[in-house]
Amino acid sequence: LDPAYPLDRIAYMLDDSAPAAVLAQKATLELLADASMPVIDLDSGLWQDESVLDPEVAELTSSHLAYVIYTSGSTGLPKGVMIEHRNTVNFLTWAHRSFDDATLSKTLFSTSLNFDLAVYECFAPLTSGG
């Protein structure tokens, strides 16, 4: 959720997507004051003692949801598009086949996290050693 969005858009997306919880920082907690789901304050310090091990959840598969990205809403209400893990992996596999690691490792992250290209800009460099 982009904190620059109007409060009614944020409320709509939270209601529409029905997340189990929302991760927030102290600076954005105020935007979630009316949220009906648990809001986890990442700045609270409660996470310092949590395990750093990568949990394994045997029931999860590549067809499970990775994230929901919303359209701009220029033709009405924004629409959530559900992206599965395998879609993201397929996209990054394409990137690695289309560009060499040296190019990918220097990709500039200049897009809003709320734009689908952000997946490429964030994860293509990380998965190529950048």
C-alpha atoms as a PDB file:
ATOM      1  CA  LEU A   1       0.000   0.000   0.000  1.00  0.00           C
ATOM      2  CA  ASP A   2       1.367   3.346  -0.962  1.00  0.00           C
ATOM      3  CA  PRO A   3       1.023   5.738   2.003  1.00  0.00           C
ATOM      4  CA  ALA A   4       0.558   8.575  -0.494  1.00  0.00           C
ATOM      5  CA  TYR A   5      -2.732   7.043  -1.660  1.00  0.00           C
ATOM      6  CA  PRO A   6      -5.964   8.648  -0.451  1.00  0.00           C
ATOM      7  CA  LEU A   7      -7.342   7.013   2.686  1.00  0.00           C
ATOM      8  CA  ASP A   8     -10.462   5.801   0.880  1.00  0.00           C
ATOM      9  CA  ARG A   9      -8.325   3.963  -1.712  1.00  0.00           C
ATOM     10  CA  ILE A  10      -6.259   2.313   1.032  1.00  0.00           C
ATOM     11  CA  ALA A  11      -9.438   1.313   2.868  1.00  0.00           C
ATOM     12  CA  TYR A  12     -10.919  -0.092  -0.359  1.00  0.00           C
ATOM     13  CA  MET A  13      -7.836  -2.192  -1.136  1.00  0.00           C
ATOM     14  CA  LEU A  14      -7.677  -3.539   2.420  1.00  0.00           C
ATOM     15  CA  ASP A  15     -11.354  -4.440   2.344  1.00  0.00           C
ATOM     16  CA  ASP A  16     -11.120  -5.954  -1.140  1.00  0.00           C
ATOM     17  CA  SER A  17      -7.981  -8.030  -0.526  1.00  0.00           C
ATOM     18  CA  ALA A  18      -8.903  -9.095   3.051  1.00  0.00           C
ATOM     19  CA  PRO A  19      -5.302  -9.667   4.205  1.00  0.00           C
ATOM     20  CA  ALA A  20      -4.630 -11.800   7.265  1.00  0.00           C
ATOM     21  CA  ALA A  21      -2.409  -8.999   8.596  1.00  0.00           C
ATOM     22  CA  VAL A  22      -0.744  -5.794   7.440  1.00  0.00           C
ATOM     23  CA  LEU A  23       2.915  -4.952   8.008  1.00  0.00           C
ATOM     24  CA  ALA A  24       3.506  -1.284   8.778  1.00  0.00           C
ATOM     25  CA  GLN A  25       6.108   1.104  10.068  1.00  0.00           C
ATOM     26  CA  LYS A  26       5.616   3.701  12.772  1.00  0.00           C
ATOM     27  CA  ALA A  27       5.282   6.424  10.108  1.00  0.00           C
ATOM     28  CA  THR A  28       2.342   4.645   8.448  1.00  0.00           C
ATOM     29  CA  LEU A  29       0.460   3.239  11.446  1.00  0.00           C
ATOM     30  CA  GLU A  30      -1.903   6.215  11.458  1.00  0.00           C
ATOM     31  CA  LEU A  31      -3.134   5.280   7.969  1.00  0.00           C
ATOM     32  CA  LEU A  32      -4.279   1.924   9.344  1.00  0.00           C
ATOM     33  CA  ALA A  33      -6.073   3.174  12.439  1.00  0.00           C
ATOM     34  CA  ASP A  34      -9.432   1.826  11.193  1.00  0.00           C
ATOM     35  CA  ALA A  35      -8.075  -1.473   9.839  1.00  0.00           C
ATOM     36  CA  SER A  36     -10.070  -4.527  10.894  1.00  0.00           C
ATOM     37  CA  MET A  37      -7.169  -6.955  10.541  1.00  0.00           C
ATOM     38  CA  PRO A  38      -4.064  -7.170  12.756  1.00  0.00           C
ATOM     39  CA  VAL A  39      -1.496  -4.464  12.013  1.00  0.00           C
ATOM     40  CA  ILE A  40       2.086  -5.466  12.789  1.00  0.00           C
ATOM     41  CA  ASP A  41       4.382  -2.563  13.657  1.00  0.00           C
ATOM     42  CA  LEU A  42       7.779  -3.488  12.217  1.00  0.00           C
ATOM     43  CA  ASP A  43       9.426  -0.687  14.197  1.00  0.00           C
ATOM     44  CA  SER A  44       8.202  -2.008  17.558  1.00  0.00           C
ATOM     45  CA  GLY A  45      11.338  -4.055  18.295  1.00  0.00           C
ATOM     46  CA  LEU A  46       9.299  -7.166  19.066  1.00  0.00           C
ATOM     47  CA  TRP A  47      10.888  -8.875  16.063  1.00  0.00           C
ATOM     48  CA  GLN A  48      14.451  -8.713  17.379  1.00  0.00           C
ATOM     49  CA  ASP A  49      14.161 -12.067  19.171  1.00  0.00           C
ATOM     50  CA  GLU A  50      12.435 -13.930  16.343  1.00  0.00           C
ATOM     51  CA  SER A  51      14.206 -16.730  14.533  1.00  0.00           C
ATOM     52  CA  VAL A  52      16.249 -15.778  11.482  1.00  0.00           C
ATOM     53  CA  LEU A  53      15.826 -19.266  10.032  1.00  0.00           C
ATOM     54  CA  ASP A  54      13.770 -19.583   6.869  1.00  0.00           C
ATOM     55  CA  PRO A  55      10.607 -21.454   7.884  1.00  0.00           C
ATOM     56  CA  GLU A  56       9.528 -24.331   5.704  1.00  0.00           C
ATOM     57  CA  VAL A  57       5.794 -24.744   5.131  1.00  0.00           C
ATOM     58  CA  ALA A  58       5.265 -28.096   3.440  1.00  0.00           C
ATOM     59  CA  GLU A  59       1.739 -27.291   2.193  1.00  0.00           C
ATOM     60  CA  LEU A  60       2.824 -24.320   0.090  1.00  0.00           C
ATOM     61  CA  THR A  61       3.258 -24.785  -3.639  1.00  0.00           C
ATOM     62  CA  SER A  62       4.198 -22.610  -6.577  1.00  0.00           C
ATOM     63  CA  SER A  63       0.501 -22.052  -7.289  1.00  0.00           C
ATOM     64  CA  HIS A  64      -0.062 -20.250  -3.985  1.00  0.00           C
ATOM     65  CA  LEU A  65      -0.506 -16.495  -3.978  1.00  0.00           C
ATOM     66  CA  ALA A  66       2.685 -14.427  -3.835  1.00  0.00           C
ATOM     67  CA  TYR A  67       1.084 -10.980  -3.852  1.00  0.00           C
ATOM     68  CA  VAL A  68      -1.833  -8.893  -5.081  1.00  0.00           C
ATOM     69  CA  ILE A  69      -1.155  -5.818  -7.168  1.00  0.00           C
ATOM     70  CA  TYR A  70      -3.867  -3.264  -7.892  1.00  0.00           C
ATOM     71  CA  THR A  71      -4.597  -1.538 -11.178  1.00  0.00           C
ATOM     72  CA  SER A  72      -4.632   2.236 -11.258  1.00  0.00           C
ATOM     73  CA  GLY A  73      -8.407   2.365 -11.093  1.00  0.00           C
ATOM     74  CA  SER A  74      -8.535   4.839 -13.955  1.00  0.00           C
ATOM     75  CA  THR A  75     -11.730   3.230 -15.268  1.00  0.00           C
ATOM     76  CA  GLY A  76     -13.411   3.041 -11.857  1.00  0.00           C
ATOM     77  CA  LEU A  77     -12.356   1.156  -8.733  1.00  0.00           C
ATOM     78  CA  PRO A  78      -8.900  -0.411  -8.750  1.00  0.00           C
ATOM     79  CA  LYS A  79      -8.887  -4.140  -9.422  1.00  0.00           C
ATOM     80  CA  GLY A  80      -6.669  -6.594  -7.580  1.00  0.00           C
ATOM     81  CA  VAL A  81      -4.606  -8.931  -9.746  1.00  0.00           C
ATOM     82  CA  MET A  82      -3.476 -12.064  -7.933  1.00  0.00           C
ATOM     83  CA  ILE A  83       0.063 -13.192  -8.766  1.00  0.00           C
ATOM     84  CA  GLU A  84       1.170 -16.706  -7.891  1.00  0.00           C
ATOM     85  CA  HIS A  85       4.729 -17.620  -6.939  1.00  0.00           C
ATOM     86  CA  ARG A  86       5.216 -19.504 -10.209  1.00  0.00           C
ATOM     87  CA  ASN A  87       4.347 -16.363 -12.215  1.00  0.00           C
ATOM     88  CA  THR A  88       7.063 -14.434 -10.425  1.00  0.00           C
ATOM     89  CA  VAL A  89       9.600 -17.236 -10.899  1.00  0.00           C
ATOM     90  CA  ASN A  90       8.680 -17.504 -14.587  1.00  0.00           C
ATOM     91  CA  PHE A  91       9.167 -13.754 -15.034  1.00  0.00           C
ATOM     92  CA  LEU A  92      12.563 -13.811 -13.309  1.00  0.00           C
ATOM     93  CA  THR A  93      13.596 -16.867 -15.343  1.00  0.00           C
ATOM     94  CA  TRP A  94      12.799 -14.889 -18.488  1.00  0.00           C
ATOM     95  CA  ALA A  95      14.903 -11.986 -17.196  1.00  0.00           C
ATOM     96  CA  HIS A  96      17.884 -14.266 -16.561  1.00  0.00           C
ATOM     97  CA  ARG A  97      17.589 -15.772 -20.041  1.00  0.00           C
ATOM     98  CA  SER A  98      17.232 -12.358 -21.702  1.00  0.00           C
ATOM     99  CA  PHE A  99      19.962 -10.428 -19.872  1.00  0.00           C
ATOM    100  CA  ASP A 100      23.362 -11.392 -18.504  1.00  0.00           C
ATOM    101  CA  ASP A 101      24.103 -11.251 -14.762  1.00  0.00           C
ATOM    102  CA  ALA A 102      26.302  -8.167 -15.146  1.00  0.00           C
ATOM    103  CA  THR A 103      23.399  -6.253 -16.679  1.00  0.00           C
ATOM    104  CA  LEU A 104      20.836  -7.536 -14.179  1.00  0.00           C
ATOM    105  CA  SER A 105      23.058  -6.824 -11.183  1.00  0.00           C
ATOM    106  CA  LYS A 106      23.123  -3.119 -12.104  1.00  0.00           C
ATOM    107  CA  THR A 107      19.388  -2.693 -12.685  1.00  0.00           C
ATOM    108  CA  LEU A 108      18.156   0.528 -11.115  1.00  0.00           C
ATOM    109  CA  PHE A 109      15.175   0.257  -8.767  1.00  0.00           C
ATOM    110  CA  SER A 110      13.268   3.397  -9.706  1.00  0.00           C
ATOM    111  CA  THR A 111       9.648   2.252  -9.811  1.00  0.00           C
ATOM    112  CA  SER A 112       7.031   2.447  -7.085  1.00  0.00           C
ATOM    113  CA  LEU A 113       6.546  -0.844  -5.238  1.00  0.00           C
ATOM    114  CA  ASN A 114       2.941  -0.590  -6.386  1.00  0.00           C
ATOM    115  CA  PHE A 115       3.867  -1.045 -10.043  1.00  0.00           C
ATOM    116  CA  ASP A 116       4.368  -4.530 -11.473  1.00  0.00           C
ATOM    117  CA  LEU A 117       7.791  -3.653 -12.902  1.00  0.00           C
ATOM    118  CA  ALA A 118       9.047  -3.345  -9.316  1.00  0.00           C
ATOM    119  CA  VAL A 119       9.239  -7.163  -9.137  1.00  0.00           C
ATOM    120  CA  TYR A 120      11.819  -7.086 -11.923  1.00  0.00           C
ATOM    121  CA  GLU A 121      13.714  -4.084 -10.555  1.00  0.00           C
ATOM    122  CA  CYS A 122      13.929  -5.548  -7.065  1.00  0.00           C
ATOM    123  CA  PHE A 123      14.375  -9.293  -7.579  1.00  0.00           C
ATOM    124  CA  ALA A 124      16.299  -9.534 -10.875  1.00  0.00           C
ATOM    125  CA  PRO A 125      19.367  -7.830  -9.368  1.00  0.00           C
ATOM    126  CA  LEU A 126      19.100  -9.793  -6.113  1.00  0.00           C
ATOM    127  CA  THR A 127      18.835 -13.134  -7.917  1.00  0.00           C
ATOM    128  CA  SER A 128      21.882 -12.322 -10.060  1.00  0.00           C
ATOM    129  CA  GLY A 129      24.205 -11.245  -7.241  1.00  0.00           C
ATOM    130  CA  GLY A 130      23.527  -7.515  -7.493  1.00  0.00           C
END
